[in-house]
Amino acid sequence: VQRARPLLNRLGLSLFFLPAYAPELNEVEAVFGVIKSYELPERSYATLPELMTAVRRAFRRYRRRLNRRR
């Protein structure tokens, strides 16, 4: 990557070094925070299909919550 930087810069691409953990720089972290805290409060599921169903429902509820704000 270091060797490719000059070529990438000439092509108009810039690389930024980020800290190993920087949730404030990742917009999806805010969404996942709401999902985990409010929309998906239960923390254990007996099967993977039950977990997947719960996650899908949580995202649907989150989407509805966003749509109500508009």
C-alpha atoms as a PDB file:
ATOM      1  CA  VAL A   1       0.000   0.000   0.000  1.00  0.00           C
ATOM      2  CA  GLN A   2       2.831   2.384   0.851  1.00  0.00           C
ATOM      3  CA  ARG A   3       4.393   1.884  -2.586  1.00  0.00           C
ATOM      4  CA  ALA A   4       1.044   2.346  -4.333  1.00  0.00           C
ATOM      5  CA  ARG A   5       0.223   5.658  -2.612  1.00  0.00           C
ATOM      6  CA  PRO A   6       1.883   7.956  -5.202  1.00  0.00           C
ATOM      7  CA  LEU A   7       0.025   6.286  -8.073  1.00  0.00           C
ATOM      8  CA  LEU A   8      -3.228   6.318  -6.128  1.00  0.00           C
ATOM      9  CA  ASN A   9      -2.776  10.028  -5.371  1.00  0.00           C
ATOM     10  CA  ARG A  10      -2.242  10.770  -9.064  1.00  0.00           C
ATOM     11  CA  LEU A  11      -5.456   8.893  -9.787  1.00  0.00           C
ATOM     12  CA  GLY A  12      -7.273  11.086  -7.283  1.00  0.00           C
ATOM     13  CA  LEU A  13      -7.499   8.517  -4.504  1.00  0.00           C
ATOM     14  CA  SER A  14      -6.423   9.421  -1.000  1.00  0.00           C
ATOM     15  CA  LEU A  15      -5.734   7.029   1.828  1.00  0.00           C
ATOM     16  CA  PHE A  16      -6.381   8.021   5.411  1.00  0.00           C
ATOM     17  CA  PHE A  17      -4.959   6.181   8.361  1.00  0.00           C
ATOM     18  CA  LEU A  18      -7.552   5.590  11.039  1.00  0.00           C
ATOM     19  CA  PRO A  19      -7.111   4.392  14.597  1.00  0.00           C
ATOM     20  CA  ALA A  20      -7.608   0.685  15.183  1.00  0.00           C
ATOM     21  CA  TYR A  21     -10.968   1.387  16.838  1.00  0.00           C
ATOM     22  CA  ALA A  22     -12.846   4.559  15.978  1.00  0.00           C
ATOM     23  CA  PRO A  23     -16.620   3.997  16.115  1.00  0.00           C
ATOM     24  CA  GLU A  24     -17.284   7.737  15.865  1.00  0.00           C
ATOM     25  CA  LEU A  25     -15.762   7.649  12.364  1.00  0.00           C
ATOM     26  CA  ASN A  26     -18.001   4.802  11.206  1.00  0.00           C
ATOM     27  CA  GLU A  27     -21.585   5.932  10.539  1.00  0.00           C
ATOM     28  CA  VAL A  28     -23.012   2.434  10.809  1.00  0.00           C
ATOM     29  CA  GLU A  29     -21.976   2.234  14.481  1.00  0.00           C
ATOM     30  CA  ALA A  30     -24.809   4.620  15.423  1.00  0.00           C
ATOM     31  CA  VAL A  31     -27.335   2.397  13.638  1.00  0.00           C
ATOM     32  CA  PHE A  32     -25.999  -0.752  15.281  1.00  0.00           C
ATOM     33  CA  GLY A  33     -26.071   0.996  18.656  1.00  0.00           C
ATOM     34  CA  VAL A  34     -29.800   1.670  18.318  1.00  0.00           C
ATOM     35  CA  ILE A  35     -30.471  -1.827  16.998  1.00  0.00           C
ATOM     36  CA  LYS A  36     -28.575  -3.480  19.852  1.00  0.00           C
ATOM     37  CA  SER A  37     -29.916  -1.232  22.621  1.00  0.00           C
ATOM     38  CA  TYR A  38     -33.548  -0.763  21.646  1.00  0.00           C
ATOM     39  CA  GLU A  39     -34.676  -2.962  18.793  1.00  0.00           C
ATOM     40  CA  LEU A  40     -32.927  -6.226  19.734  1.00  0.00           C
ATOM     41  CA  PRO A  41     -32.893  -6.325  23.531  1.00  0.00           C
ATOM     42  CA  GLU A  42     -32.944 -10.109  23.872  1.00  0.00           C
ATOM     43  CA  ARG A  43     -29.407 -11.447  23.804  1.00  0.00           C
ATOM     44  CA  SER A  44     -29.742 -15.193  23.291  1.00  0.00           C
ATOM     45  CA  TYR A  45     -31.528 -17.351  20.769  1.00  0.00           C
ATOM     46  CA  ALA A  46     -31.825 -21.120  20.621  1.00  0.00           C
ATOM     47  CA  THR A  47     -31.128 -21.399  16.900  1.00  0.00           C
ATOM     48  CA  LEU A  48     -29.525 -19.404  14.122  1.00  0.00           C
ATOM     49  CA  PRO A  49     -32.858 -19.035  12.274  1.00  0.00           C
ATOM     50  CA  GLU A  50     -34.403 -17.504  15.435  1.00  0.00           C
ATOM     51  CA  LEU A  51     -31.523 -15.036  15.646  1.00  0.00           C
ATOM     52  CA  MET A  52     -31.800 -14.125  11.962  1.00  0.00           C
ATOM     53  CA  THR A  53     -35.552 -13.569  12.294  1.00  0.00           C
ATOM     54  CA  ALA A  54     -35.001 -11.329  15.312  1.00  0.00           C
ATOM     55  CA  VAL A  55     -32.331  -9.303  13.498  1.00  0.00           C
ATOM     56  CA  ARG A  56     -34.553  -8.801  10.446  1.00  0.00           C
ATOM     57  CA  ARG A  57     -37.429  -7.677  12.654  1.00  0.00           C
ATOM     58  CA  ALA A  58     -35.152  -5.287  14.537  1.00  0.00           C
ATOM     59  CA  PHE A  59     -33.994  -3.646  11.304  1.00  0.00           C
ATOM     60  CA  ARG A  60     -37.587  -3.361  10.087  1.00  0.00           C
ATOM     61  CA  ARG A  61     -38.592  -1.636  13.355  1.00  0.00           C
ATOM     62  CA  TYR A  62     -35.602   0.677  13.047  1.00  0.00           C
ATOM     63  CA  ARG A  63     -36.540   1.535   9.452  1.00  0.00           C
ATOM     64  CA  ARG A  64     -40.119   2.324  10.536  1.00  0.00           C
ATOM     65  CA  ARG A  65     -38.779   4.507  13.343  1.00  0.00           C
ATOM     66  CA  LEU A  66     -36.689   6.468  10.822  1.00  0.00           C
ATOM     67  CA  ASN A  67     -39.622   6.835   8.439  1.00  0.00           C
ATOM     68  CA  ARG A  68     -41.817   8.287  11.210  1.00  0.00           C
ATOM     69  CA  ARG A  69     -39.231  11.021  11.806  1.00  0.00           C
ATOM     70  CA  ARG A  70     -39.440  12.239   8.209  1.00  0.00           C
END
